[in-house]
């Protein structure tokens, strides 16, 4: 660079320029720490973004309608057999199923409307639980309520047993089905032989069903069940237990029950998801993970993952937390939670590879379902919270059922370790891999003041002979005047001209246009620092 005098800088020659380059900004959202103290690769705020490749950020995938024509559906399940691939739900009072085209109603039995519904497949039947009627099952052609099942809220399939819990009048009880028949939870004599012991059941015959009561009288009800390796995990709201069947798999006894922790629990069975070798779930404190203690395979530990987004967790309406629902898909734990009003309109997403959080909106969810269709494709479906549609997340689609996705990333406040030193900011280099359409860029100086209006980078679909996308761009300069237009290859750095003094700087990149996308590889700050004695006199304290 040749020597020249720079506006506002003392001296005749240019001081060495300071640069900071950040690529693969993969550490995700941190709205808990001060925006000038978080990691350079974290974001002070972001919405509707995902991680890609080695940690670059892109607009999240959108969703398309999988099946509609529902009125007030609750719960989403499936039945997958050698010959059947069906998606299931309870619409108002009626069981319905679909293969992705239209819904078929089966009205042999009815269900109470507006109840939380969960589904569990065991062998070649799918069981339906709503905490109100005794459990029912669907075998692909017939739906039945046999009268041998309690009015449980949820269940799991474990070592040949169906295990259920969440019964309102037996809040500490875990029921084990007969080993030979996962639909029978009652006996003819002794225990489990009446509707007090098995609320919701009407038929009492045979033997083989069993139960355990978990720390009865502690005032802490069972809220969920999960499978961790070879162990049954029993969650209460404020404590967690583990249970292991003997090798014979025939004896259920309380000595096999051990406490994991009495310092944390689970608030929603639908949040409990197997993530690789661990088990994720939502506690009152945030999302926790159950896994083996390092170097101690038989020791189970639980740890908190959501410290960086604690304000989002703290906003959950406690009375509605049981509605939270999660799924694991493409290395991401996706969890929809109720906001402070109880509305299911906030989805938090944890990327297991990069260990970072993102936040999605416009995904109001009652239930998620990872579904294998008849072509052996794994689909990510969700039932809208209003109960009218099932939507399918689709890679490469950048709209939500035809509507724009409002996405943005807001950087930390960069003071480069010197919050009191004034800098002359020259420009901000932005390296995009893809801009499909255009993005808006805003620059903020100290005091979070928007500087010089916004910058628009507009792309047009011109492709050169090497298959590289050509991007046209229009830069709105200081005061909003047009400074130039042109074309550039993807992956070229765009420099947003700043030319202003400030102690700190931050930027925001956004897109809220239908079927448009952007991928950010990284960014480069360039500035000249002033000396120590250039300081706002109004902020000086004289003793």
Protein backbone atom coordinates (compact mmCIF):
# COMPACT_ATOMS: atom_id res chain seq x y z
CA UNK A 1 0.00 0.00 0.00
CA UNK A 2 1.38 3.43 -0.87
CA UNK A 3 1.70 6.10 1.79
CA UNK A 4 -1.15 8.55 1.88
CA UNK A 5 -2.86 10.71 4.41
CA UNK A 6 -6.02 9.10 5.84
CA UNK A 7 -8.88 11.27 7.05
CA UNK A 8 -8.82 11.67 10.81
CA UNK A 9 -5.46 9.99 11.35
CA UNK A 10 -2.59 12.05 12.78
CA UNK A 11 0.76 12.09 11.01
CA UNK A 12 1.77 12.08 7.40
CA UNK A 13 2.08 8.36 6.83
CA UNK A 14 -0.40 5.57 7.21
CA UNK A 15 -0.03 3.45 10.31
CA UNK A 16 0.00 -0.33 9.73
CA UNK A 17 -3.55 -1.46 9.15
CA UNK A 18 -5.03 -3.93 11.64
CA UNK A 19 -6.98 -6.85 10.27
CA UNK A 20 -9.03 -9.61 11.80
CA UNK A 21 -10.23 -12.51 9.65
CA UNK A 22 -12.87 -14.93 10.95
CA UNK A 23 -13.87 -17.95 8.87
CA UNK A 24 -16.17 -20.87 9.65
CA UNK A 25 -18.16 -18.89 12.29
CA UNK A 26 -19.52 -22.10 13.78
CA UNK A 27 -20.11 -21.58 17.48
CA UNK A 28 -23.72 -20.49 17.19
CA UNK A 29 -26.00 -18.25 19.21
CA UNK A 30 -24.92 -16.72 22.51
CA UNK A 31 -27.56 -14.34 23.88
CA UNK A 32 -26.42 -14.89 27.47
CA UNK A 33 -22.96 -13.33 27.43
CA UNK A 34 -22.30 -9.63 26.88
CA UNK A 35 -22.17 -9.01 23.09
CA UNK A 36 -18.60 -7.70 23.27
CA UNK A 37 -17.33 -10.63 25.38
CA UNK A 38 -18.65 -13.64 23.46
CA UNK A 39 -16.41 -15.67 21.15
CA UNK A 40 -15.57 -14.16 17.75
CA UNK A 41 -17.21 -17.18 16.08
CA UNK A 42 -20.43 -16.83 18.09
CA UNK A 43 -23.41 -14.70 17.11
CA UNK A 44 -25.14 -12.24 19.44
CA UNK A 45 -28.38 -13.04 17.66
CA UNK A 46 -29.39 -15.19 14.74
CA UNK A 47 -32.62 -16.51 13.32
CA UNK A 48 -33.49 -19.26 10.85
CA UNK A 49 -29.89 -20.24 10.11
CA UNK A 50 -28.06 -23.59 9.97
CA UNK A 51 -24.45 -24.73 9.99
CA UNK A 52 -22.93 -26.27 6.90
CA UNK A 53 -19.65 -27.97 6.00
CA UNK A 54 -16.88 -26.91 8.41
CA UNK A 55 -19.03 -24.42 10.29
CA UNK A 56 -20.15 -21.84 7.76
CA UNK A 57 -23.66 -20.48 8.21
CA UNK A 58 -26.52 -20.58 5.74
CA UNK A 59 -30.22 -19.91 5.66
CA UNK A 60 -32.10 -22.88 7.10
CA UNK A 61 -33.99 -25.36 4.97
CA UNK A 62 -37.65 -24.59 4.41
CA UNK A 63 -40.67 -26.84 4.46
CA UNK A 64 -43.40 -27.90 2.06
CA UNK A 65 -46.85 -29.29 2.67
CA UNK A 66 -46.81 -33.06 3.14
CA UNK A 67 -50.50 -33.50 3.87
CA UNK A 68 -53.33 -31.15 4.81
CA UNK A 69 -57.13 -31.49 5.29
CA UNK A 70 -56.87 -31.83 9.07
CA UNK A 71 -58.98 -29.78 11.47
CA UNK A 72 -57.64 -30.18 15.02
CA UNK A 73 -54.99 -32.90 14.99
CA UNK A 74 -52.78 -33.85 17.94
CA UNK A 75 -49.77 -36.14 17.89
CA UNK A 76 -47.81 -37.57 14.98
CA UNK A 77 -46.71 -41.19 14.73
CA UNK A 78 -46.00 -43.90 12.20
CA UNK A 79 -46.40 -47.57 11.43
CA UNK A 80 -43.56 -49.09 9.42
CA UNK A 81 -43.75 -52.77 8.54
CA UNK A 82 -42.55 -54.90 5.62
CA UNK A 83 -45.64 -53.85 3.65
CA UNK A 84 -46.86 -50.62 5.30
CA UNK A 85 -45.48 -47.08 5.66
CA UNK A 86 -48.15 -44.92 7.28
CA UNK A 87 -48.20 -41.57 9.08
CA UNK A 88 -50.71 -41.47 11.95
CA UNK A 89 -52.52 -38.81 13.97
CA UNK A 90 -55.63 -38.17 16.07
CA UNK A 91 -57.74 -35.47 14.44
CA UNK A 92 -60.20 -34.10 16.99
CA UNK A 93 -61.78 -37.40 18.19
CA UNK A 94 -60.87 -39.61 15.19
CA UNK A 95 -57.83 -41.71 14.32
CA UNK A 96 -56.46 -41.00 10.83
CA UNK A 97 -53.60 -42.32 8.69
CA UNK A 98 -51.98 -41.34 5.39
CA UNK A 99 -49.23 -42.38 3.01
CA UNK A 100 -48.66 -38.76 2.00
CA UNK A 101 -51.66 -38.13 -0.23
CA UNK A 102 -54.98 -37.97 1.64
CA UNK A 103 -56.08 -38.92 5.15
CA UNK A 104 -58.20 -41.98 5.85
CA UNK A 105 -60.43 -41.92 8.94
CA UNK A 106 -61.00 -44.98 11.14
CA UNK A 107 -63.86 -44.29 13.55
CA UNK A 108 -64.21 -47.66 15.31
CA UNK A 109 -63.24 -46.02 18.61
CA UNK A 110 -63.04 -42.35 19.58
CA UNK A 111 -60.57 -40.23 21.52
CA UNK A 112 -61.02 -37.17 23.69
CA UNK A 113 -60.15 -34.09 21.64
CA UNK A 114 -57.40 -31.58 22.49
CA UNK A 115 -55.24 -33.99 24.47
CA UNK A 116 -51.50 -34.46 24.06
CA UNK A 117 -51.03 -37.68 22.04
CA UNK A 118 -47.95 -39.90 21.79
CA UNK A 119 -47.29 -42.99 19.66
CA UNK A 120 -45.02 -46.02 20.20
CA UNK A 121 -44.43 -48.81 17.71
CA UNK A 122 -43.95 -52.25 19.27
CA UNK A 123 -43.55 -55.22 16.97
CA UNK A 124 -45.99 -54.56 14.12
CA UNK A 125 -48.48 -52.39 15.97
CA UNK A 126 -48.41 -48.74 16.93
CA UNK A 127 -49.78 -47.85 20.36
CA UNK A 128 -51.64 -44.61 21.07
CA UNK A 129 -51.61 -42.82 24.43
CA UNK A 130 -53.37 -39.62 25.51
CA UNK A 131 -53.50 -39.81 29.32
CA UNK A 132 -57.32 -39.86 29.28
CA UNK A 133 -58.58 -43.13 27.78
CA UNK A 134 -56.95 -46.52 28.16
CA UNK A 135 -54.26 -47.11 25.55
CA UNK A 136 -55.21 -48.18 22.04
CA UNK A 137 -53.34 -49.73 19.12
CA UNK A 138 -53.36 -49.71 15.30
CA UNK A 139 -52.16 -52.72 13.28
CA UNK A 140 -52.50 -51.21 9.79
CA UNK A 141 -56.13 -52.16 9.25
CA UNK A 142 -57.83 -52.18 12.65
CA UNK A 143 -57.82 -49.85 15.63
CA UNK A 144 -58.71 -51.26 19.03
CA UNK A 145 -58.82 -50.38 22.72
CA UNK A 146 -58.48 -53.81 24.41
CA UNK A 147 -59.27 -52.67 27.96
CA UNK A 148 -56.00 -54.13 29.30
CA UNK A 149 -54.02 -50.88 29.06
CA UNK A 150 -53.88 -47.95 31.53
CA UNK A 151 -54.67 -44.36 30.61
CA UNK A 152 -50.95 -43.59 30.35
CA UNK A 153 -49.47 -40.58 28.58
CA UNK A 154 -46.41 -42.18 27.00
CA UNK A 155 -44.50 -45.44 26.60
CA UNK A 156 -41.28 -47.00 25.29
CA UNK A 157 -40.41 -50.42 23.83
CA UNK A 158 -37.67 -52.12 25.88
CA UNK A 159 -36.37 -55.71 25.86
CA UNK A 160 -39.66 -57.21 24.68
CA UNK A 161 -41.77 -55.17 27.11
CA UNK A 162 -43.89 -52.16 26.43
CA UNK A 163 -43.39 -49.84 29.40
CA UNK A 164 -45.75 -46.95 30.06
CA UNK A 165 -46.33 -44.23 32.63
CA UNK A 166 -47.84 -40.78 33.04
CA UNK A 167 -51.10 -41.93 34.69
CA UNK A 168 -52.73 -39.05 36.58
CA UNK A 169 -53.85 -41.06 39.64
CA UNK A 170 -50.70 -43.23 39.76
CA UNK A 171 -48.05 -40.52 39.12
CA UNK A 172 -45.15 -42.58 40.54
CA UNK A 173 -45.93 -45.85 38.77
CA UNK A 174 -44.21 -47.47 35.79
CA UNK A 175 -46.19 -50.32 34.14
CA UNK A 176 -44.53 -53.26 32.36
CA UNK A 177 -46.63 -55.20 29.87
CA UNK A 178 -46.82 -58.97 29.73
CA UNK A 179 -43.64 -60.18 27.99
CA UNK A 180 -45.65 -62.24 25.52
CA UNK A 181 -48.15 -59.46 24.69
CA UNK A 182 -47.25 -55.75 24.79
CA UNK A 183 -50.94 -54.74 24.95
CA UNK A 184 -51.67 -56.44 28.32
CA UNK A 185 -50.89 -54.55 31.55
CA UNK A 186 -53.45 -56.25 33.84
CA UNK A 187 -53.71 -59.48 35.86
CA UNK A 188 -56.56 -61.67 37.08
CA UNK A 189 -55.52 -61.62 40.74
CA UNK A 190 -53.12 -60.02 43.28
CA UNK A 191 -51.71 -56.81 41.79
CA UNK A 192 -52.98 -54.96 38.70
CA UNK A 193 -56.41 -56.54 38.97
CA UNK A 194 -58.64 -53.47 39.27
CA UNK A 195 -59.14 -50.00 37.84
CA UNK A 196 -57.58 -48.34 40.88
CA UNK A 197 -54.28 -50.10 40.29
CA UNK A 198 -54.59 -49.76 36.50
CA UNK A 199 -56.70 -46.63 35.82
CA UNK A 200 -58.38 -46.78 32.41
CA UNK A 201 -58.36 -50.58 32.19
CA UNK A 202 -61.57 -52.64 32.16
CA UNK A 203 -60.37 -56.19 31.44
CA UNK A 204 -58.41 -58.13 34.10
CA UNK A 205 -57.20 -61.62 33.19
CA UNK A 206 -54.11 -63.83 33.09
CA UNK A 207 -50.76 -63.06 34.67
CA UNK A 208 -47.42 -61.59 33.70
CA UNK A 209 -47.99 -57.82 33.85
CA UNK A 210 -45.83 -56.02 36.43
CA UNK A 211 -45.04 -52.56 37.80
CA UNK A 212 -42.71 -50.59 40.03
CA UNK A 213 -43.44 -47.45 42.04
CA UNK A 214 -40.60 -44.95 41.91
CA UNK A 215 -39.98 -43.12 45.19
CA UNK A 216 -43.67 -42.86 46.06
CA UNK A 217 -44.64 -39.85 48.11
CA UNK A 218 -41.79 -37.56 47.05
CA UNK A 219 -44.25 -35.16 45.38
CA UNK A 220 -42.42 -35.57 42.08
CA UNK A 221 -44.40 -37.22 39.28
CA UNK A 222 -42.98 -39.27 36.40
CA UNK A 223 -42.74 -37.09 33.29
CA UNK A 224 -40.98 -39.26 30.72
CA UNK A 225 -39.24 -42.49 29.75
CA UNK A 226 -36.18 -43.08 27.60
CA UNK A 227 -33.76 -45.79 26.54
CA UNK A 228 -30.04 -45.23 27.05
CA UNK A 229 -28.04 -48.16 25.72
CA UNK A 230 -29.28 -51.19 27.67
CA UNK A 231 -30.86 -49.10 30.43
CA UNK A 232 -34.36 -47.76 30.98
CA UNK A 233 -34.26 -44.10 32.11
CA UNK A 234 -37.20 -42.94 34.24
CA UNK A 235 -37.59 -39.19 34.43
CA UNK A 236 -39.42 -37.23 37.07
CA UNK A 237 -39.64 -33.45 36.93
CA UNK A 238 -36.89 -32.98 39.52
CA UNK A 239 -35.05 -36.32 39.54
CA UNK A 240 -33.86 -39.11 37.25
CA UNK A 241 -33.59 -42.88 37.80
CA UNK A 242 -32.17 -45.82 35.88
CA UNK A 243 -33.61 -49.31 35.68
CA UNK A 244 -32.05 -52.46 34.22
CA UNK A 245 -33.82 -55.78 33.71
CA UNK A 246 -32.02 -58.93 34.75
CA UNK A 247 -30.42 -61.02 32.01
CA UNK A 248 -33.41 -63.35 31.95
CA UNK A 249 -35.65 -60.41 31.13
CA UNK A 250 -38.50 -61.81 33.22
CA UNK A 251 -38.22 -60.16 36.64
CA UNK A 252 -39.16 -56.58 37.41
CA UNK A 253 -38.05 -55.56 40.90
CA UNK A 254 -37.25 -52.34 42.75
CA UNK A 255 -33.64 -53.34 43.64
CA UNK A 256 -32.87 -52.85 39.95
CA UNK A 257 -33.83 -49.18 40.32
CA UNK A 258 -31.00 -46.69 40.95
CA UNK A 259 -30.94 -42.92 41.29
CA UNK A 260 -28.93 -40.96 38.71
CA UNK A 261 -29.56 -37.49 40.13
CA UNK A 262 -31.99 -35.63 42.34
CA UNK A 263 -30.75 -32.26 41.12
CA UNK A 264 -32.45 -32.28 37.72
CA UNK A 265 -35.32 -33.89 35.85
CA UNK A 266 -37.37 -33.70 32.65
CA UNK A 267 -40.40 -31.55 31.86
CA UNK A 268 -41.57 -33.23 28.63
CA UNK A 269 -41.54 -36.83 27.42
CA UNK A 270 -41.67 -35.58 23.81
CA UNK A 271 -38.35 -33.76 24.32
CA UNK A 272 -36.51 -37.03 25.13
CA UNK A 273 -34.53 -38.02 22.03
CA UNK A 274 -31.70 -40.47 21.40
CA UNK A 275 -28.80 -38.51 19.88
CA UNK A 276 -26.09 -40.93 18.73
CA UNK A 277 -24.91 -42.58 21.98
CA UNK A 278 -26.52 -40.04 24.30
CA UNK A 279 -30.01 -39.04 25.41
CA UNK A 280 -31.12 -35.41 25.15
CA UNK A 281 -34.07 -33.94 27.05
CA UNK A 282 -35.53 -30.66 28.33
CA UNK A 283 -35.24 -29.96 32.04
CA UNK A 284 -36.37 -26.89 33.95
CA UNK A 285 -32.82 -25.57 33.67
CA UNK A 286 -32.54 -26.18 29.93
CA UNK A 287 -31.57 -28.95 27.52
CA UNK A 288 -29.53 -31.66 29.23
CA UNK A 289 -27.69 -34.70 27.94
CA UNK A 290 -27.37 -38.11 29.58
CA UNK A 291 -24.23 -40.04 28.72
CA UNK A 292 -21.48 -42.17 30.20
CA UNK A 293 -18.92 -40.49 32.39
CA UNK A 294 -15.55 -40.38 30.62
CA UNK A 295 -13.35 -43.33 31.63
CA UNK A 296 -16.20 -44.78 33.74
CA UNK A 297 -18.48 -46.66 31.35
CA UNK A 298 -20.92 -47.79 34.05
CA UNK A 299 -21.31 -44.30 35.50
CA UNK A 300 -24.02 -42.12 33.95
CA UNK A 301 -23.68 -38.34 34.00
CA UNK A 302 -26.02 -35.51 33.04
CA UNK A 303 -24.84 -32.08 31.89
CA UNK A 304 -26.45 -28.86 30.69
CA UNK A 305 -26.08 -27.73 27.06
CA UNK A 306 -28.05 -24.49 26.92
CA UNK A 307 -25.97 -22.04 28.97
CA UNK A 308 -25.32 -19.83 25.87
CA UNK A 309 -29.06 -19.41 25.24
CA UNK A 310 -30.29 -19.25 28.83
CA UNK A 311 -32.53 -16.18 28.24
CA UNK A 312 -34.46 -18.22 25.67
CA UNK A 313 -34.86 -21.09 28.15
CA UNK A 314 -35.90 -18.73 30.95
CA UNK A 315 -38.73 -17.40 28.75
CA UNK A 316 -40.46 -20.80 28.56
CA UNK A 317 -43.89 -20.76 30.19
CA UNK A 318 -43.50 -23.41 32.89
CA UNK A 319 -47.13 -24.57 32.81
CA UNK A 320 -46.83 -25.34 29.07
CA UNK A 321 -43.34 -26.87 29.09
CA UNK A 322 -44.73 -30.43 28.82
CA UNK A 323 -45.75 -29.62 25.23
CA UNK A 324 -42.10 -29.25 24.13
CA UNK A 325 -41.20 -31.72 21.39
CA UNK A 326 -37.91 -32.74 19.80
CA UNK A 327 -36.31 -34.85 17.09
CA UNK A 328 -32.79 -35.76 15.91
CA UNK A 329 -32.11 -35.24 12.22
CA UNK A 330 -28.89 -34.69 10.22
CA UNK A 331 -26.69 -34.15 13.29
CA UNK A 332 -29.12 -31.66 14.82
CA UNK A 333 -31.28 -31.90 17.92
CA UNK A 334 -34.36 -29.84 17.01
CA UNK A 335 -36.64 -28.79 19.87
CA UNK A 336 -39.78 -26.64 19.77
CA UNK A 337 -40.59 -24.92 23.07
CA UNK A 338 -43.43 -22.67 24.27
CA UNK A 339 -42.65 -18.98 24.68
CA UNK A 340 -43.71 -16.88 27.68
CA UNK A 341 -47.32 -16.86 26.42
CA UNK A 342 -47.36 -20.64 25.94
CA UNK A 343 -47.33 -20.47 22.14
CA UNK A 344 -45.27 -23.18 20.42
CA UNK A 345 -43.46 -20.78 18.10
CA UNK A 346 -39.79 -21.02 19.11
CA UNK A 347 -37.52 -23.81 17.89
CA UNK A 348 -33.98 -24.15 19.20
CA UNK A 349 -31.52 -26.32 17.30
CA UNK A 350 -28.25 -27.81 18.59
CA UNK A 351 -25.67 -28.95 16.07
CA UNK A 352 -23.85 -31.92 17.60
CA UNK A 353 -20.78 -31.54 15.36
CA UNK A 354 -20.11 -27.83 15.96
CA UNK A 355 -21.69 -27.72 19.43
CA UNK A 356 -23.57 -24.53 18.64
CA UNK A 357 -27.19 -23.37 18.95
CA UNK A 358 -29.40 -21.71 16.38
CA UNK A 359 -32.97 -20.45 16.65
CA UNK A 360 -35.80 -21.02 14.19
CA UNK A 361 -39.17 -19.30 13.90
CA UNK A 362 -42.31 -20.04 11.91
CA UNK A 363 -42.19 -23.73 12.88
CA UNK A 364 -45.16 -23.85 15.29
CA UNK A 365 -45.00 -27.53 16.17
CA UNK A 366 -47.21 -30.02 18.02
CA UNK A 367 -45.07 -33.08 17.19
CA UNK A 368 -42.06 -34.07 15.09
CA UNK A 369 -41.69 -37.36 13.20
CA UNK A 370 -38.67 -38.86 11.47
CA UNK A 371 -40.42 -41.07 8.94
CA UNK A 372 -39.09 -43.68 6.51
CA UNK A 373 -41.32 -43.70 3.42
CA UNK A 374 -41.99 -46.50 0.94
CA UNK A 375 -38.91 -45.46 -1.11
CA UNK A 376 -36.72 -45.77 1.99
CA UNK A 377 -36.24 -41.99 2.20
CA UNK A 378 -35.94 -40.50 5.70
CA UNK A 379 -38.32 -37.55 5.95
CA UNK A 380 -38.49 -34.93 8.68
CA UNK A 381 -42.15 -34.13 9.28
CA UNK A 382 -43.93 -31.98 11.81
CA UNK A 383 -47.56 -31.41 12.72
CA UNK A 384 -48.46 -27.75 12.93
CA UNK A 385 -49.55 -26.67 16.38
CA UNK A 386 -52.94 -25.53 15.02
CA UNK A 387 -53.54 -29.15 13.95
CA UNK A 388 -54.34 -28.44 10.30
CA UNK A 389 -51.29 -29.57 8.30
CA UNK A 390 -48.31 -31.90 8.32
CA UNK A 391 -45.24 -30.20 6.85
CA UNK A 392 -42.02 -31.70 5.46
CA UNK A 393 -38.63 -30.03 5.86
CA UNK A 394 -36.86 -30.20 2.50
CA UNK A 395 -33.18 -29.53 1.75
CA UNK A 396 -32.74 -26.94 -1.00
CA UNK A 397 -36.13 -25.31 -0.38
CA UNK A 398 -35.95 -21.78 1.03
CA UNK A 399 -39.55 -20.97 1.81
CA UNK A 400 -42.03 -22.13 4.44
CA UNK A 401 -45.09 -23.53 2.67
CA UNK A 402 -44.69 -20.78 0.08
CA UNK A 403 -43.89 -17.97 2.54
CA UNK A 404 -40.52 -16.17 2.97
CA UNK A 405 -38.14 -17.27 5.71
CA UNK A 406 -37.04 -14.28 7.79
CA UNK A 407 -33.36 -15.08 8.42
CA UNK A 408 -30.50 -13.02 9.81
CA UNK A 409 -27.20 -13.13 11.68
CA UNK A 410 -26.07 -10.37 14.07
CA UNK A 411 -22.39 -10.34 15.01
CA UNK A 412 -20.85 -9.68 18.39
CA UNK A 413 -19.68 -6.17 19.24
CA UNK A 414 -16.06 -6.13 18.05
CA UNK A 415 -13.76 -3.91 20.09
CA UNK A 416 -10.70 -6.11 19.43
CA UNK A 417 -9.75 -6.28 23.08
CA UNK A 418 -9.49 -2.49 23.40
CA UNK A 419 -12.96 -1.10 24.21
CA UNK A 420 -11.56 2.37 25.03
CA UNK A 421 -9.45 2.81 21.89
CA UNK A 422 -11.02 4.67 18.98
CA UNK A 423 -10.49 3.01 15.61
CA UNK A 424 -10.82 4.30 12.09
CA UNK A 425 -12.80 1.49 10.43
CA UNK A 426 -11.97 1.20 6.76
CA UNK A 427 -14.17 -1.61 5.53
CA UNK A 428 -15.77 -4.97 6.27
CA UNK A 429 -14.89 -7.85 3.97
CA UNK A 430 -17.63 -10.44 3.51
CA UNK A 431 -17.01 -13.75 1.79
CA UNK A 432 -20.15 -15.47 0.52
CA UNK A 433 -20.22 -18.85 -1.14
CA UNK A 434 -23.75 -18.32 -2.38
CA UNK A 435 -26.15 -15.44 -2.70
CA UNK A 436 -29.32 -16.59 -4.39
CA UNK A 437 -31.24 -13.35 -4.71
CA UNK A 438 -29.89 -10.65 -2.41
CA UNK A 439 -28.95 -9.90 1.17
CA UNK A 440 -29.22 -6.78 3.28
CA UNK A 441 -26.24 -5.67 5.36
CA UNK A 442 -26.30 -3.21 8.25
CA UNK A 443 -23.27 -1.75 10.04
CA UNK A 444 -23.50 -0.53 13.65
CA UNK A 445 -20.98 1.70 15.43
CA UNK A 446 -20.54 2.33 19.16
CA UNK A 447 -23.79 2.72 21.07
CA UNK A 448 -25.39 0.31 18.58
CA UNK A 449 -26.03 3.17 16.13
CA UNK A 450 -26.92 2.16 12.58
CA UNK A 451 -24.32 3.70 10.32
CA UNK A 452 -24.81 4.82 6.73
CA UNK A 453 -28.04 2.95 5.99
CA UNK A 454 -28.06 -0.64 4.73
CA UNK A 455 -26.10 -2.34 2.01
CA UNK A 456 -27.76 -4.59 -0.56
CA UNK A 457 -25.90 -7.33 -2.38
CA UNK A 458 -28.10 -8.57 -5.20
CA UNK A 459 -27.31 -11.75 -7.12
CA UNK A 460 -28.49 -12.72 -10.56
CA UNK A 461 -28.47 -16.28 -11.95
CA UNK A 462 -25.60 -15.90 -14.43
CA UNK A 463 -23.35 -18.97 -14.67
CA UNK A 464 -20.00 -18.95 -16.40
CA UNK A 465 -18.45 -21.78 -18.39
CA UNK A 466 -16.79 -23.24 -15.28
CA UNK A 467 -20.11 -23.57 -13.48
CA UNK A 468 -19.39 -20.75 -11.03
CA UNK A 469 -22.28 -18.49 -10.16
CA UNK A 470 -21.76 -14.85 -11.18
CA UNK A 471 -23.18 -12.32 -8.75
CA UNK A 472 -24.25 -8.79 -9.55
CA UNK A 473 -24.19 -6.40 -6.63
CA UNK A 474 -25.34 -2.91 -5.77
CA UNK A 475 -23.68 -1.18 -2.83
CA UNK A 476 -25.52 1.63 -1.09
CA UNK A 477 -22.82 3.82 0.35
CA UNK A 478 -22.73 6.36 3.16
CA UNK A 479 -25.90 8.42 3.10
CA UNK A 480 -27.60 5.94 0.81
CA UNK A 481 -25.97 6.99 -2.44
CA UNK A 482 -25.17 4.38 -5.10
CA UNK A 483 -21.43 3.78 -5.28
CA UNK A 484 -21.31 1.26 -8.10
CA UNK A 485 -22.52 -1.96 -9.65
CA UNK A 486 -20.72 -4.93 -11.12
CA UNK A 487 -20.30 -8.67 -11.27
CA UNK A 488 -18.10 -11.01 -9.22
CA UNK A 489 -17.51 -14.72 -8.81
CA UNK A 490 -18.96 -16.53 -5.82
CA UNK A 491 -16.36 -16.85 -3.03
CA UNK A 492 -14.87 -13.46 -3.87
CA UNK A 493 -14.67 -11.07 -0.93
CA UNK A 494 -17.00 -8.05 -1.05
CA UNK A 495 -15.73 -5.05 0.87
CA UNK A 496 -18.36 -2.86 2.46
CA UNK A 497 -16.84 0.63 2.75
CA UNK A 498 -17.21 2.13 6.22
CA UNK A 499 -14.67 4.98 6.68
CA UNK A 500 -15.74 6.14 10.10
CA UNK A 501 -14.42 6.45 13.66
CA UNK A 502 -15.78 4.26 16.45
CA UNK A 503 -14.52 2.27 19.44
CA UNK A 504 -16.46 -0.79 18.28
CA UNK A 505 -18.40 -2.19 15.37
CA UNK A 506 -20.86 -4.94 14.55
CA UNK A 507 -22.82 -6.07 11.49
CA UNK A 508 -26.08 -7.77 10.56
CA UNK A 509 -26.80 -9.78 7.40
CA UNK A 510 -30.41 -10.62 6.61
CA UNK A 511 -32.77 -11.96 3.97
CA UNK A 512 -36.55 -12.11 4.11
CA UNK A 513 -37.40 -12.88 0.50
CA UNK A 514 -39.11 -15.92 -0.91
CA UNK A 515 -36.93 -18.71 -2.34
CA UNK A 516 -33.67 -16.85 -1.71
CA UNK A 517 -30.62 -18.12 0.14
CA UNK A 518 -27.19 -17.03 1.30
CA UNK A 519 -24.14 -18.85 2.67
CA UNK A 520 -21.49 -16.90 4.60
CA UNK A 521 -17.97 -18.32 4.72
CA UNK A 522 -16.45 -15.62 6.90
CA UNK A 523 -15.61 -11.94 7.34
CA UNK A 524 -12.63 -9.59 7.63
CA UNK A 525 -12.39 -6.38 9.67
CA UNK A 526 -9.89 -3.70 8.61
CA UNK A 527 -9.14 -0.65 10.77
CA UNK A 528 -6.50 1.76 12.04
CA UNK A 529 -6.26 2.15 15.84
CA UNK A 530 -5.71 5.57 17.37
CA UNK A 531 -3.56 6.26 20.42
CA UNK A 532 -4.54 5.97 24.07
CA UNK A 533 -5.14 9.69 24.55
CA UNK A 534 -7.88 10.09 21.95
CA UNK A 535 -10.79 9.66 24.31
CA UNK A 536 -14.20 11.26 24.86
CA UNK A 537 -13.65 13.89 27.55
CA UNK A 538 -17.22 13.45 28.76
CA UNK A 539 -16.26 9.97 29.93
CA UNK A 540 -13.19 11.10 31.87
CA UNK A 541 -13.28 11.17 35.67
CA UNK A 542 -11.05 13.67 37.46
CA UNK A 543 -10.16 13.14 41.12
